[in-house]
């Protein structure tokens, strides 16, 4: 599903026009992004949690050349599936 398709689904299910649905989705994504940037977990009970994760610096290997390359420390995000969503996916 693309962002445009998600906006259409939100608009249909929430009774909004597409512009309002896009604003709501953009606000959601901005809120989640700023919380994760601040190192805070975002929990949506029953759906899942977005968890910020720090990756330590290390050495990686270029798969094309086999050359070892230094990888800088970085931050990423993991998603943990909630029980309700897990049960929907497994029924």
PDB file of N, CA and C in Angstrom:
ATOM      1  N   UNK A   1       0.848  -1.171   0.000  1.00  0.00           N
ATOM      2  CA  UNK A   1       0.000   0.000   0.000  1.00  0.00           C
ATOM      3  C   UNK A   1       0.893   1.233   0.000  1.00  0.00           C
ATOM      4  N   UNK A   2       0.613   2.157  -0.889  1.00  0.00           N
ATOM      5  CA  UNK A   2       1.367   3.399  -0.958  1.00  0.00           C
ATOM      6  C   UNK A   2       0.754   4.436  -0.020  1.00  0.00           C
ATOM      7  N   UNK A   3       1.452   5.552   0.159  1.00  0.00           N
ATOM      8  CA  UNK A   3       0.932   6.620   1.015  1.00  0.00           C
ATOM      9  C   UNK A   3      -0.387   7.154   0.457  1.00  0.00           C
ATOM     10  N   UNK A   4      -0.477   7.314  -0.858  1.00  0.00           N
ATOM     11  CA  UNK A   4      -1.706   7.817  -1.484  1.00  0.00           C
ATOM     12  C   UNK A   4      -2.873   6.852  -1.241  1.00  0.00           C
ATOM     13  N   UNK A   5      -2.603   5.554  -1.337  1.00  0.00           N
ATOM     14  CA  UNK A   5      -3.658   4.563  -1.080  1.00  0.00           C
ATOM     15  C   UNK A   5      -4.068   4.587   0.385  1.00  0.00           C
ATOM     16  N   UNK A   6      -3.113   4.762   1.286  1.00  0.00           N
ATOM     17  CA  UNK A   6      -3.423   4.852   2.709  1.00  0.00           C
ATOM     18  C   UNK A   6      -4.260   6.090   3.008  1.00  0.00           C
ATOM     19  N   UNK A   7      -3.922   7.211   2.390  1.00  0.00           N
ATOM     20  CA  UNK A   7      -4.704   8.438   2.565  1.00  0.00           C
ATOM     21  C   UNK A   7      -6.136   8.205   2.105  1.00  0.00           C
ATOM     22  N   UNK A   8      -6.325   7.533   0.976  1.00  0.00           N
ATOM     23  CA  UNK A   8      -7.674   7.232   0.475  1.00  0.00           C
ATOM     24  C   UNK A   8      -8.453   6.353   1.449  1.00  0.00           C
ATOM     25  N   UNK A   9      -7.796   5.330   2.006  1.00  0.00           N
ATOM     26  CA  UNK A   9      -8.443   4.445   2.982  1.00  0.00           C
ATOM     27  C   UNK A   9      -8.845   5.213   4.234  1.00  0.00           C
ATOM     28  N   UNK A  10      -7.953   6.056   4.728  1.00  0.00           N
ATOM     29  CA  UNK A  10      -8.253   6.851   5.922  1.00  0.00           C
ATOM     30  C   UNK A  10      -9.426   7.776   5.643  1.00  0.00           C
ATOM     31  N   UNK A  11      -9.418   8.420   4.486  1.00  0.00           N
ATOM     32  CA  UNK A  11     -10.507   9.335   4.127  1.00  0.00           C
ATOM     33  C   UNK A  11     -11.845   8.602   4.078  1.00  0.00           C
ATOM     34  N   UNK A  12     -11.865   7.415   3.481  1.00  0.00           N
ATOM     35  CA  UNK A  12     -13.105   6.644   3.378  1.00  0.00           C
ATOM     36  C   UNK A  12     -13.604   6.180   4.747  1.00  0.00           C
ATOM     37  N   UNK A  13     -12.705   5.662   5.575  1.00  0.00           N
ATOM     38  CA  UNK A  13     -13.119   5.081   6.849  1.00  0.00           C
ATOM     39  C   UNK A  13     -13.422   6.117   7.919  1.00  0.00           C
ATOM     40  N   UNK A  14     -12.801   7.304   7.824  1.00  0.00           N
ATOM     41  CA  UNK A  14     -13.005   8.328   8.847  1.00  0.00           C
ATOM     42  C   UNK A  14     -13.991   9.403   8.399  1.00  0.00           C
ATOM     43  N   UNK A  15     -14.475   9.313   7.177  1.00  0.00           N
ATOM     44  CA  UNK A  15     -15.420  10.308   6.691  1.00  0.00           C
ATOM     45  C   UNK A  15     -14.777  11.670   6.464  1.00  0.00           C
ATOM     46  N   UNK A  16     -13.529  11.676   6.061  1.00  0.00           N
ATOM     47  CA  UNK A  16     -12.806  12.919   5.799  1.00  0.00           C
ATOM     48  C   UNK A  16     -12.574  13.055   4.295  1.00  0.00           C
ATOM     49  N   UNK A  17     -12.245  14.280   3.863  1.00  0.00           N
ATOM     50  CA  UNK A  17     -11.810  14.390   2.470  1.00  0.00           C
ATOM     51  C   UNK A  17     -10.325  14.032   2.418  1.00  0.00           C
ATOM     52  N   UNK A  18      -9.804  13.853   1.218  1.00  0.00           N
ATOM     53  CA  UNK A  18      -8.421  13.378   1.088  1.00  0.00           C
ATOM     54  C   UNK A  18      -7.409  14.376   1.632  1.00  0.00           C
ATOM     55  N   UNK A  19      -7.669  15.658   1.527  1.00  0.00           N
ATOM     56  CA  UNK A  19      -6.745  16.663   2.050  1.00  0.00           C
ATOM     57  C   UNK A  19      -6.651  16.575   3.571  1.00  0.00           C
ATOM     58  N   UNK A  20      -7.792  16.391   4.234  1.00  0.00           N
ATOM     59  CA  UNK A  20      -7.801  16.250   5.696  1.00  0.00           C
ATOM     60  C   UNK A  20      -7.100  14.962   6.116  1.00  0.00           C
ATOM     61  N   UNK A  21      -7.348  13.891   5.385  1.00  0.00           N
ATOM     62  CA  UNK A  21      -6.716  12.605   5.710  1.00  0.00           C
ATOM     63  C   UNK A  21      -5.210  12.698   5.528  1.00  0.00           C
ATOM     64  N   UNK A  22      -4.753  13.391   4.487  1.00  0.00           N
ATOM     65  CA  UNK A  22      -3.310  13.550   4.265  1.00  0.00           C
ATOM     66  C   UNK A  22      -2.687  14.371   5.387  1.00  0.00           C
ATOM     67  N   UNK A  23      -3.375  15.435   5.832  1.00  0.00           N
ATOM     68  CA  UNK A  23      -2.884  16.244   6.948  1.00  0.00           C
ATOM     69  C   UNK A  23      -2.779  15.409   8.216  1.00  0.00           C
ATOM     70  N   UNK A  24      -3.778  14.576   8.470  1.00  0.00           N
ATOM     71  CA  UNK A  24      -3.773  13.730   9.663  1.00  0.00           C
ATOM     72  C   UNK A  24      -2.622  12.719   9.606  1.00  0.00           C
ATOM     73  N   UNK A  25      -2.419  12.099   8.456  1.00  0.00           N
ATOM     74  CA  UNK A  25      -1.338  11.132   8.307  1.00  0.00           C
ATOM     75  C   UNK A  25       0.025  11.811   8.441  1.00  0.00           C
ATOM     76  N   UNK A  26       0.184  12.980   7.829  1.00  0.00           N
ATOM     77  CA  UNK A  26       1.444  13.723   7.942  1.00  0.00           C
ATOM     78  C   UNK A  26       1.719  14.120   9.391  1.00  0.00           C
ATOM     79  N   UNK A  27       0.676  14.531  10.125  1.00  0.00           N
ATOM     80  CA  UNK A  27       0.837  14.896  11.534  1.00  0.00           C
ATOM     81  C   UNK A  27       1.235  13.680  12.362  1.00  0.00           C
ATOM     82  N   UNK A  28       0.627  12.525  12.078  1.00  0.00           N
ATOM     83  CA  UNK A  28       0.978  11.287  12.773  1.00  0.00           C
ATOM     84  C   UNK A  28       2.444  10.941  12.532  1.00  0.00           C
ATOM     85  N   UNK A  29       2.867  10.973  11.270  1.00  0.00           N
ATOM     86  CA  UNK A  29       4.246  10.614  10.946  1.00  0.00           C
ATOM     87  C   UNK A  29       5.239  11.590  11.566  1.00  0.00           C
ATOM     88  N   UNK A  30       4.905  12.880  11.591  1.00  0.00           N
ATOM     89  CA  UNK A  30       5.789  13.876  12.196  1.00  0.00           C
ATOM     90  C   UNK A  30       5.892  13.662  13.702  1.00  0.00           C
ATOM     91  N   UNK A  31       4.773  13.340  14.346  1.00  0.00           N
ATOM     92  CA  UNK A  31       4.768  13.109  15.794  1.00  0.00           C
ATOM     93  C   UNK A  31       5.589  11.879  16.156  1.00  0.00           C
ATOM     94  N   UNK A  32       5.423  10.800  15.411  1.00  0.00           N
ATOM     95  CA  UNK A  32       6.182   9.575  15.664  1.00  0.00           C
ATOM     96  C   UNK A  32       7.669   9.843  15.427  1.00  0.00           C
ATOM     97  N   UNK A  33       7.993  10.531  14.344  1.00  0.00           N
ATOM     98  CA  UNK A  33       9.392  10.819  14.023  1.00  0.00           C
ATOM     99  C   UNK A  33      10.066  11.650  15.101  1.00  0.00           C
ATOM    100  N   UNK A  34       9.377  12.695  15.590  1.00  0.00           N
ATOM    101  CA  UNK A  34       9.991  13.546  16.614  1.00  0.00           C
ATOM    102  C   UNK A  34      10.155  12.792  17.934  1.00  0.00           C
ATOM    103  N   UNK A  35       9.212  11.931  18.277  1.00  0.00           N
ATOM    104  CA  UNK A  35       9.345  11.138  19.496  1.00  0.00           C
ATOM    105  C   UNK A  35      10.517  10.174  19.396  1.00  0.00           C
ATOM    106  N   UNK A  36      10.653   9.509  18.253  1.00  0.00           N
ATOM    107  CA  UNK A  36      11.756   8.574  18.062  1.00  0.00           C
ATOM    108  C   UNK A  36      13.096   9.307  18.059  1.00  0.00           C
ATOM    109  N   UNK A  37      13.135  10.490  17.443  1.00  0.00           N
ATOM    110  CA  UNK A  37      14.369  11.277  17.421  1.00  0.00           C
ATOM    111  C   UNK A  37      14.787  11.647  18.841  1.00  0.00           C
ATOM    112  N   UNK A  38      13.798  11.869  19.719  1.00  0.00           N
ATOM    113  CA  UNK A  38      14.076  12.205  21.120  1.00  0.00           C
ATOM    114  C   UNK A  38      14.399  10.961  21.954  1.00  0.00           C
ATOM    115  N   UNK A  39      14.362   9.781  21.334  1.00  0.00           N
ATOM    116  CA  UNK A  39      14.693   8.548  22.042  1.00  0.00           C
ATOM    117  C   UNK A  39      13.518   7.941  22.790  1.00  0.00           C
ATOM    118  N   UNK A  40      12.306   8.368  22.475  1.00  0.00           N
ATOM    119  CA  UNK A  40      11.112   7.861  23.157  1.00  0.00           C
ATOM    120  C   UNK A  40      10.412   6.806  22.302  1.00  0.00           C
ATOM    121  N   UNK A  41       9.918   5.780  22.964  1.00  0.00           N
ATOM    122  CA  UNK A  41       9.157   4.724  22.312  1.00  0.00           C
ATOM    123  C   UNK A  41       7.728   5.217  22.072  1.00  0.00           C
ATOM    124  N   UNK A  42       7.129   4.819  20.945  1.00  0.00           N
ATOM    125  CA  UNK A  42       5.746   5.175  20.631  1.00  0.00           C
ATOM    126  C   UNK A  42       4.931   3.893  20.674  1.00  0.00           C
ATOM    127  N   UNK A  43       3.986   3.806  21.634  1.00  0.00           N
ATOM    128  CA  UNK A  43       3.170   2.598  21.793  1.00  0.00           C
ATOM    129  C   UNK A  43       1.740   2.854  21.345  1.00  0.00           C
ATOM    130  N   UNK A  44       1.248   1.995  20.478  1.00  0.00           N
ATOM    131  CA  UNK A  44      -0.145   2.020  20.046  1.00  0.00           C
ATOM    132  C   UNK A  44      -0.730   0.687  20.514  1.00  0.00           C
ATOM    133  N   UNK A  45      -1.401   0.706  21.649  1.00  0.00           N
ATOM    134  CA  UNK A  45      -1.870  -0.518  22.296  1.00  0.00           C
ATOM    135  C   UNK A  45      -2.714  -1.337  21.327  1.00  0.00           C
ATOM    136  N   UNK A  46      -2.363  -2.600  21.209  1.00  0.00           N
ATOM    137  CA  UNK A  46      -3.058  -3.524  20.328  1.00  0.00           C
ATOM    138  C   UNK A  46      -2.480  -3.552  18.925  1.00  0.00           C
ATOM    139  N   UNK A  47      -1.847  -2.461  18.504  1.00  0.00           N
ATOM    140  CA  UNK A  47      -1.276  -2.388  17.156  1.00  0.00           C
ATOM    141  C   UNK A  47       0.203  -2.731  17.171  1.00  0.00           C
ATOM    142  N   UNK A  48       0.967  -1.991  17.990  1.00  0.00           N
ATOM    143  CA  UNK A  48       2.393  -2.254  18.083  1.00  0.00           C
ATOM    144  C   UNK A  48       3.144  -1.063  18.638  1.00  0.00           C
ATOM    145  N   UNK A  49       4.459  -1.188  18.680  1.00  0.00           N
ATOM    146  CA  UNK A  49       5.318  -0.138  19.227  1.00  0.00           C
ATOM    147  C   UNK A  49       6.454   0.161  18.266  1.00  0.00           C
ATOM    148  N   UNK A  50       6.739   1.446  18.105  1.00  0.00           N
ATOM    149  CA  UNK A  50       7.914   1.896  17.367  1.00  0.00           C
ATOM    150  C   UNK A  50       8.989   2.159  18.414  1.00  0.00           C
ATOM    151  N   UNK A  51      10.127   1.491  18.288  1.00  0.00           N
ATOM    152  CA  UNK A  51      11.168   1.566  19.306  1.00  0.00           C
ATOM    153  C   UNK A  51      12.462   2.108  18.685  1.00  0.00           C
ATOM    154  N   UNK A  52      13.011   3.202  19.246  1.00  0.00           N
ATOM    155  CA  UNK A  52      14.288   3.694  18.727  1.00  0.00           C
ATOM    156  C   UNK A  52      15.420   2.774  19.148  1.00  0.00           C
ATOM    157  N   UNK A  53      16.369   2.540  18.252  1.00  0.00           N
ATOM    158  CA  UNK A  53      17.478   1.635  18.519  1.00  0.00           C
ATOM    159  C   UNK A  53      18.772   2.312  18.081  1.00  0.00           C
ATOM    160  N   UNK A  54      19.780   2.273  18.968  1.00  0.00           N
ATOM    161  CA  UNK A  54      21.093   2.814  18.615  1.00  0.00           C
ATOM    162  C   UNK A  54      21.971   1.678  18.122  1.00  0.00           C
ATOM    163  N   UNK A  55      22.609   1.890  16.975  1.00  0.00           N
ATOM    164  CA  UNK A  55      23.535   0.902  16.412  1.00  0.00           C
ATOM    165  C   UNK A  55      24.950   1.401  16.642  1.00  0.00           C
ATOM    166  N   UNK A  56      25.773   0.573  17.216  1.00  0.00           N
ATOM    167  CA  UNK A  56      27.156   0.947  17.478  1.00  0.00           C
ATOM    168  C   UNK A  56      27.954   0.962  16.179  1.00  0.00           C
ATOM    169  N   UNK A  57      29.035   1.720  16.191  1.00  0.00           N
ATOM    170  CA  UNK A  57      29.935   1.725  15.042  1.00  0.00           C
ATOM    171  C   UNK A  57      30.567   0.348  14.909  1.00  0.00           C
ATOM    172  N   UNK A  58      30.959  -0.001  13.717  1.00  0.00           N
ATOM    173  CA  UNK A  58      31.552  -1.315  13.519  1.00  0.00           C
ATOM    174  C   UNK A  58      32.204  -1.423  12.163  1.00  0.00           C
ATOM    175  N   UNK A  59      32.513  -2.627  11.795  1.00  0.00           N
ATOM    176  CA  UNK A  59      33.137  -2.890  10.503  1.00  0.00           C
ATOM    177  C   UNK A  59      32.163  -3.722   9.681  1.00  0.00           C
ATOM    178  N   UNK A  60      31.925  -3.297   8.464  1.00  0.00           N
ATOM    179  CA  UNK A  60      31.049  -4.019   7.549  1.00  0.00           C
ATOM    180  C   UNK A  60      31.879  -4.452   6.349  1.00  0.00           C
ATOM    181  N   UNK A  61      31.287  -5.285   5.512  1.00  0.00           N
ATOM    182  CA  UNK A  61      31.992  -5.758   4.326  1.00  0.00           C
ATOM    183  C   UNK A  61      31.192  -5.383   3.092  1.00  0.00           C
ATOM    184  N   UNK A  62      31.869  -4.790   2.118  1.00  0.00           N
ATOM    185  CA  UNK A  62      31.244  -4.471   0.841  1.00  0.00           C
ATOM    186  C   UNK A  62      30.998  -5.783   0.106  1.00  0.00           C
ATOM    187  N   UNK A  63      29.733  -6.160  -0.141  1.00  0.00           N
ATOM    188  CA  UNK A  63      29.466  -7.458  -0.755  1.00  0.00           C
ATOM    189  C   UNK A  63      29.981  -7.572  -2.191  1.00  0.00           C
ATOM    190  N   UNK A  64      30.141  -6.441  -2.869  1.00  0.00           N
ATOM    191  CA  UNK A  64      30.595  -6.474  -4.254  1.00  0.00           C
ATOM    192  C   UNK A  64      32.104  -6.715  -4.349  1.00  0.00           C
ATOM    193  N   UNK A  65      32.867  -6.028  -3.483  1.00  0.00           N
ATOM    194  CA  UNK A  65      34.325  -6.124  -3.569  1.00  0.00           C
ATOM    195  C   UNK A  65      34.953  -6.950  -2.451  1.00  0.00           C
ATOM    196  N   UNK A  66      34.210  -7.174  -1.371  1.00  0.00           N
ATOM    197  CA  UNK A  66      34.748  -7.902  -0.235  1.00  0.00           C
ATOM    198  C   UNK A  66      35.588  -7.026   0.685  1.00  0.00           C
ATOM    199  N   UNK A  67      35.712  -5.753   0.334  1.00  0.00           N
ATOM    200  CA  UNK A  67      36.508  -4.816   1.121  1.00  0.00           C
ATOM    201  C   UNK A  67      35.825  -4.499   2.447  1.00  0.00           C
ATOM    202  N   UNK A  68      36.615  -4.415   3.524  1.00  0.00           N
ATOM    203  CA  UNK A  68      36.066  -4.047   4.824  1.00  0.00           C
ATOM    204  C   UNK A  68      35.933  -2.527   4.899  1.00  0.00           C
ATOM    205  N   UNK A  69      34.788  -2.074   5.426  1.00  0.00           N
ATOM    206  CA  UNK A  69      34.474  -0.656   5.499  1.00  0.00           C
ATOM    207  C   UNK A  69      34.025  -0.321   6.913  1.00  0.00           C
ATOM    208  N   UNK A  70      34.468   0.821   7.425  1.00  0.00           N
ATOM    209  CA  UNK A  70      34.015   1.260   8.746  1.00  0.00           C
ATOM    210  C   UNK A  70      32.596   1.795   8.627  1.00  0.00           C
ATOM    211  N   UNK A  71      31.733   1.345   9.534  1.00  0.00           N
ATOM    212  CA  UNK A  71      30.349   1.784   9.568  1.00  0.00           C
ATOM    213  C   UNK A  71      30.184   2.686  10.783  1.00  0.00           C
ATOM    214  N   UNK A  72      29.717   3.929  10.593  1.00  0.00           N
ATOM    215  CA  UNK A  72      29.561   4.829  11.738  1.00  0.00           C
ATOM    216  C   UNK A  72      28.366   4.430  12.618  1.00  0.00           C
ATOM    217  N   UNK A  73      28.366   4.902  13.846  1.00  0.00           N
ATOM    218  CA  UNK A  73      27.222   4.671  14.732  1.00  0.00           C
ATOM    219  C   UNK A  73      26.013   5.389  14.141  1.00  0.00           C
ATOM    220  N   UNK A  74      24.835   4.828  14.348  1.00  0.00           N
ATOM    221  CA  UNK A  74      23.615   5.428  13.810  1.00  0.00           C
ATOM    222  C   UNK A  74      22.420   5.038  14.663  1.00  0.00           C
ATOM    223  N   UNK A  75      21.311   5.693  14.377  1.00  0.00           N
ATOM    224  CA  UNK A  75      20.060   5.341  15.042  1.00  0.00           C
ATOM    225  C   UNK A  75      19.087   4.823  14.000  1.00  0.00           C
ATOM    226  N   UNK A  76      18.266   3.875  14.406  1.00  0.00           N
ATOM    227  CA  UNK A  76      17.245   3.329  13.539  1.00  0.00           C
ATOM    228  C   UNK A  76      15.996   3.073  14.374  1.00  0.00           C
ATOM    229  N   UNK A  77      15.020   2.448  13.788  1.00  0.00           N
ATOM    230  CA  UNK A  77      13.753   2.194  14.480  1.00  0.00           C
ATOM    231  C   UNK A  77      13.341   0.756  14.224  1.00  0.00           C
ATOM    232  N   UNK A  78      12.769   0.137  15.235  1.00  0.00           N
ATOM    233  CA  UNK A  78      12.213  -1.211  15.089  1.00  0.00           C
ATOM    234  C   UNK A  78      10.724  -1.132  15.411  1.00  0.00           C
ATOM    235  N   UNK A  79       9.967  -2.029  14.808  1.00  0.00           N
ATOM    236  CA  UNK A  79       8.538  -2.106  15.082  1.00  0.00           C
ATOM    237  C   UNK A  79       8.249  -3.441  15.727  1.00  0.00           C
ATOM    238  N   UNK A  80       7.612  -3.402  16.892  1.00  0.00           N
ATOM    239  CA  UNK A  80       7.199  -4.626  17.580  1.00  0.00           C
ATOM    240  C   UNK A  80       5.681  -4.754  17.433  1.00  0.00           C
ATOM    241  N   UNK A  81       5.240  -5.861  16.889  1.00  0.00           N
ATOM    242  CA  UNK A  81       3.822  -6.082  16.625  1.00  0.00           C
ATOM    243  C   UNK A  81       3.075  -6.323  17.930  1.00  0.00           C
ATOM    244  N   UNK A  82       1.900  -5.684  18.075  1.00  0.00           N
ATOM    245  CA  UNK A  82       1.055  -5.884  19.247  1.00  0.00           C
ATOM    246  C   UNK A  82       0.240  -7.158  19.135  1.00  0.00           C
ATOM    247  N   UNK A  83      -0.299  -7.610  20.259  1.00  0.00           N
ATOM    248  CA  UNK A  83      -1.047  -8.873  20.301  1.00  0.00           C
ATOM    249  C   UNK A  83      -2.287  -8.855  19.397  1.00  0.00           C
ATOM    250  N   UNK A  84      -3.033  -7.753  19.402  1.00  0.00           N
ATOM    251  CA  UNK A  84      -4.259  -7.694  18.598  1.00  0.00           C
ATOM    252  C   UNK A  84      -3.932  -7.780  17.111  1.00  0.00           C
ATOM    253  N   UNK A  85      -2.924  -7.053  16.666  1.00  0.00           N
ATOM    254  CA  UNK A  85      -2.530  -7.106  15.256  1.00  0.00           C
ATOM    255  C   UNK A  85      -1.993  -8.489  14.898  1.00  0.00           C
ATOM    256  N   UNK A  86      -1.224  -9.083  15.785  1.00  0.00           N
ATOM    257  CA  UNK A  86      -0.678 -10.414  15.558  1.00  0.00           C
ATOM    258  C   UNK A  86      -1.814 -11.429  15.384  1.00  0.00           C
ATOM    259  N   UNK A  87      -2.848 -11.319  16.220  1.00  0.00           N
ATOM    260  CA  UNK A  87      -3.955 -12.271  16.104  1.00  0.00           C
ATOM    261  C   UNK A  87      -4.754 -12.053  14.812  1.00  0.00           C
ATOM    262  N   UNK A  88      -4.865 -10.805  14.357  1.00  0.00           N
ATOM    263  CA  UNK A  88      -5.543 -10.529  13.085  1.00  0.00           C
ATOM    264  C   UNK A  88      -4.765 -11.145  11.921  1.00  0.00           C
ATOM    265  N   UNK A  89      -3.440 -11.027  11.981  1.00  0.00           N
ATOM    266  CA  UNK A  89      -2.600 -11.567  10.908  1.00  0.00           C
ATOM    267  C   UNK A  89      -2.600 -13.089  10.880  1.00  0.00           C
ATOM    268  N   UNK A  90      -2.858 -13.726  12.012  1.00  0.00           N
ATOM    269  CA  UNK A  90      -2.776 -15.184  12.111  1.00  0.00           C
ATOM    270  C   UNK A  90      -4.144 -15.865  12.171  1.00  0.00           C
ATOM    271  N   UNK A  91      -5.180 -15.206  11.698  1.00  0.00           N
ATOM    272  CA  UNK A  91      -6.498 -15.852  11.668  1.00  0.00           C
ATOM    273  C   UNK A  91      -6.948 -16.094  10.263  1.00  0.00           C
TER     274      UNK A  91
END
